[in-house]
């Protein structure tokens, strides 16, 4: 696994509670939708009150 990662292979791990939390994906220098953002508390999410559909809290 680490050898594949070091050679540039994308890895993904799946486990329990895969849909418990809401997240949003954002761009990075590696491409679009590469940054995962998730807040547990609504008031801490900077999109609260700005774009409520994108808020990631439970």
N, C-alpha and C. Protein backbone atom coordinates (compact mmCIF):
# COMPACT_ATOMS: atom_id res chain seq x y z
N UNK A 1 0.82 -1.17 0.00
CA UNK A 1 0.00 0.00 0.00
C UNK A 1 0.87 1.25 0.00
N UNK A 2 1.84 1.33 0.88
CA UNK A 2 2.68 2.53 0.92
C UNK A 2 3.52 2.66 -0.35
N UNK A 3 3.93 1.55 -0.90
CA UNK A 3 4.70 1.60 -2.16
C UNK A 3 3.83 2.14 -3.29
N UNK A 4 2.59 1.68 -3.36
CA UNK A 4 1.67 2.18 -4.39
C UNK A 4 1.42 3.67 -4.20
N UNK A 5 1.20 4.09 -2.95
CA UNK A 5 0.98 5.51 -2.66
C UNK A 5 2.18 6.33 -3.10
N UNK A 6 3.38 5.86 -2.78
CA UNK A 6 4.60 6.58 -3.12
C UNK A 6 4.81 6.68 -4.63
N UNK A 7 4.21 5.77 -5.38
CA UNK A 7 4.31 5.80 -6.84
C UNK A 7 3.18 6.59 -7.49
N UNK A 8 2.32 7.23 -6.66
CA UNK A 8 1.28 8.10 -7.18
C UNK A 8 -0.08 7.46 -7.35
N UNK A 9 -0.27 6.25 -6.85
CA UNK A 9 -1.58 5.59 -6.96
C UNK A 9 -2.52 6.22 -5.94
N UNK A 10 -3.74 6.55 -6.36
CA UNK A 10 -4.75 7.07 -5.45
C UNK A 10 -5.28 5.93 -4.59
N UNK A 11 -5.42 6.18 -3.30
CA UNK A 11 -5.93 5.18 -2.37
C UNK A 11 -7.21 5.68 -1.73
N UNK A 12 -8.08 4.77 -1.40
CA UNK A 12 -9.32 5.11 -0.72
C UNK A 12 -9.63 4.01 0.29
N UNK A 13 -10.06 4.41 1.47
CA UNK A 13 -10.40 3.46 2.52
C UNK A 13 -11.87 3.66 2.88
N UNK A 14 -12.60 2.58 2.94
CA UNK A 14 -14.02 2.64 3.24
C UNK A 14 -14.29 1.94 4.56
N UNK A 15 -15.19 2.52 5.34
CA UNK A 15 -15.50 1.92 6.63
C UNK A 15 -16.91 2.26 7.07
N UNK A 16 -17.20 1.98 8.30
CA UNK A 16 -18.53 2.21 8.86
C UNK A 16 -18.84 3.70 8.95
N UNK A 17 -20.10 4.01 9.06
CA UNK A 17 -20.61 5.38 9.20
C UNK A 17 -20.17 6.28 8.04
N UNK A 18 -20.17 5.74 6.86
CA UNK A 18 -19.71 6.49 5.69
C UNK A 18 -20.61 7.68 5.35
N UNK A 19 -21.82 7.69 5.82
CA UNK A 19 -22.73 8.79 5.49
C UNK A 19 -23.23 9.52 6.74
N UNK A 20 -22.53 9.40 7.84
CA UNK A 20 -22.97 10.04 9.08
C UNK A 20 -22.77 11.55 9.04
N UNK A 21 -21.66 12.00 8.55
CA UNK A 21 -21.35 13.44 8.53
C UNK A 21 -21.43 13.99 7.11
N UNK A 22 -21.88 15.25 7.03
CA UNK A 22 -21.87 15.95 5.75
C UNK A 22 -20.51 16.57 5.55
N UNK A 23 -20.03 16.56 4.35
CA UNK A 23 -18.76 17.20 4.00
C UNK A 23 -18.96 18.00 2.72
N UNK A 24 -18.00 18.84 2.42
CA UNK A 24 -17.96 19.47 1.10
C UNK A 24 -16.55 19.33 0.57
N UNK A 25 -16.43 19.32 -0.73
CA UNK A 25 -15.14 19.15 -1.39
C UNK A 25 -14.72 20.46 -2.03
N UNK A 26 -13.44 20.77 -1.92
CA UNK A 26 -12.92 22.00 -2.50
C UNK A 26 -11.66 21.74 -3.29
N UNK A 27 -11.22 22.75 -4.04
CA UNK A 27 -10.04 22.58 -4.89
C UNK A 27 -8.73 22.72 -4.11
N UNK A 28 -7.69 22.10 -4.62
CA UNK A 28 -6.32 22.28 -4.14
C UNK A 28 -5.42 22.45 -5.35
N UNK A 29 -4.15 22.57 -5.11
CA UNK A 29 -3.21 22.67 -6.24
C UNK A 29 -3.11 21.38 -7.02
N UNK A 30 -3.64 20.27 -6.45
CA UNK A 30 -3.62 18.97 -7.12
C UNK A 30 -4.84 18.75 -8.00
N UNK A 31 -5.83 19.63 -7.93
CA UNK A 31 -7.01 19.51 -8.76
C UNK A 31 -8.28 19.84 -8.02
N UNK A 32 -9.41 19.82 -8.72
CA UNK A 32 -10.70 20.13 -8.10
C UNK A 32 -11.16 19.01 -7.18
N UNK A 33 -11.96 19.36 -6.21
CA UNK A 33 -12.59 18.40 -5.30
C UNK A 33 -11.58 17.50 -4.60
N UNK A 34 -10.47 18.06 -4.16
CA UNK A 34 -9.44 17.28 -3.47
C UNK A 34 -9.38 17.57 -1.96
N UNK A 35 -9.99 18.68 -1.51
CA UNK A 35 -9.95 19.07 -0.10
C UNK A 35 -11.29 18.76 0.55
N UNK A 36 -11.27 17.92 1.56
CA UNK A 36 -12.49 17.56 2.28
C UNK A 36 -12.63 18.46 3.50
N UNK A 37 -13.79 19.13 3.61
CA UNK A 37 -14.05 20.02 4.73
C UNK A 37 -15.29 19.55 5.46
N UNK A 38 -15.22 19.50 6.78
CA UNK A 38 -16.37 19.10 7.58
C UNK A 38 -16.31 19.71 8.96
N UNK A 39 -17.37 20.39 9.37
CA UNK A 39 -17.47 20.98 10.70
C UNK A 39 -18.51 20.22 11.49
N UNK A 40 -18.25 19.98 12.77
CA UNK A 40 -19.21 19.28 13.62
C UNK A 40 -20.27 20.23 14.18
N UNK A 41 -19.91 21.50 14.34
CA UNK A 41 -20.80 22.49 14.95
C UNK A 41 -21.18 23.53 13.90
N UNK A 42 -22.48 23.76 13.73
CA UNK A 42 -22.98 24.68 12.70
C UNK A 42 -22.35 26.06 12.83
N UNK A 43 -22.27 26.60 14.05
CA UNK A 43 -21.78 27.96 14.24
C UNK A 43 -20.30 28.11 13.88
N UNK A 44 -19.55 27.03 13.80
CA UNK A 44 -18.14 27.11 13.44
C UNK A 44 -17.90 27.09 11.93
N UNK A 45 -18.88 26.67 11.16
CA UNK A 45 -18.74 26.60 9.70
C UNK A 45 -18.87 28.00 9.12
N UNK A 46 -17.86 28.49 8.41
CA UNK A 46 -17.92 29.85 7.86
C UNK A 46 -19.02 30.05 6.81
N UNK A 47 -19.58 28.98 6.29
CA UNK A 47 -20.68 29.12 5.32
C UNK A 47 -22.04 29.22 5.99
N UNK A 48 -22.12 29.07 7.30
CA UNK A 48 -23.38 29.18 8.03
C UNK A 48 -23.93 30.60 7.86
N UNK A 49 -25.13 30.71 7.35
CA UNK A 49 -25.75 32.00 7.11
C UNK A 49 -25.39 32.60 5.76
N UNK A 50 -24.42 32.02 5.08
CA UNK A 50 -24.00 32.50 3.76
C UNK A 50 -24.52 31.56 2.67
N UNK A 51 -24.25 30.27 2.84
CA UNK A 51 -24.72 29.25 1.91
C UNK A 51 -25.12 28.03 2.76
N UNK A 52 -26.30 28.09 3.36
CA UNK A 52 -26.72 27.06 4.30
C UNK A 52 -26.82 25.67 3.69
N UNK A 53 -27.01 25.58 2.38
CA UNK A 53 -27.06 24.27 1.72
C UNK A 53 -25.69 23.58 1.75
N UNK A 54 -24.61 24.35 1.89
CA UNK A 54 -23.27 23.79 1.90
C UNK A 54 -22.71 23.58 3.30
N UNK A 55 -23.47 23.96 4.34
CA UNK A 55 -23.01 23.79 5.73
C UNK A 55 -22.85 22.30 6.00
N UNK A 56 -21.77 21.93 6.69
CA UNK A 56 -21.42 20.53 6.84
C UNK A 56 -21.78 19.91 8.19
N UNK A 57 -22.31 20.68 9.11
CA UNK A 57 -22.62 20.11 10.44
C UNK A 57 -23.71 19.06 10.33
N UNK A 58 -23.82 18.25 11.39
CA UNK A 58 -24.81 17.16 11.42
C UNK A 58 -26.20 17.68 11.09
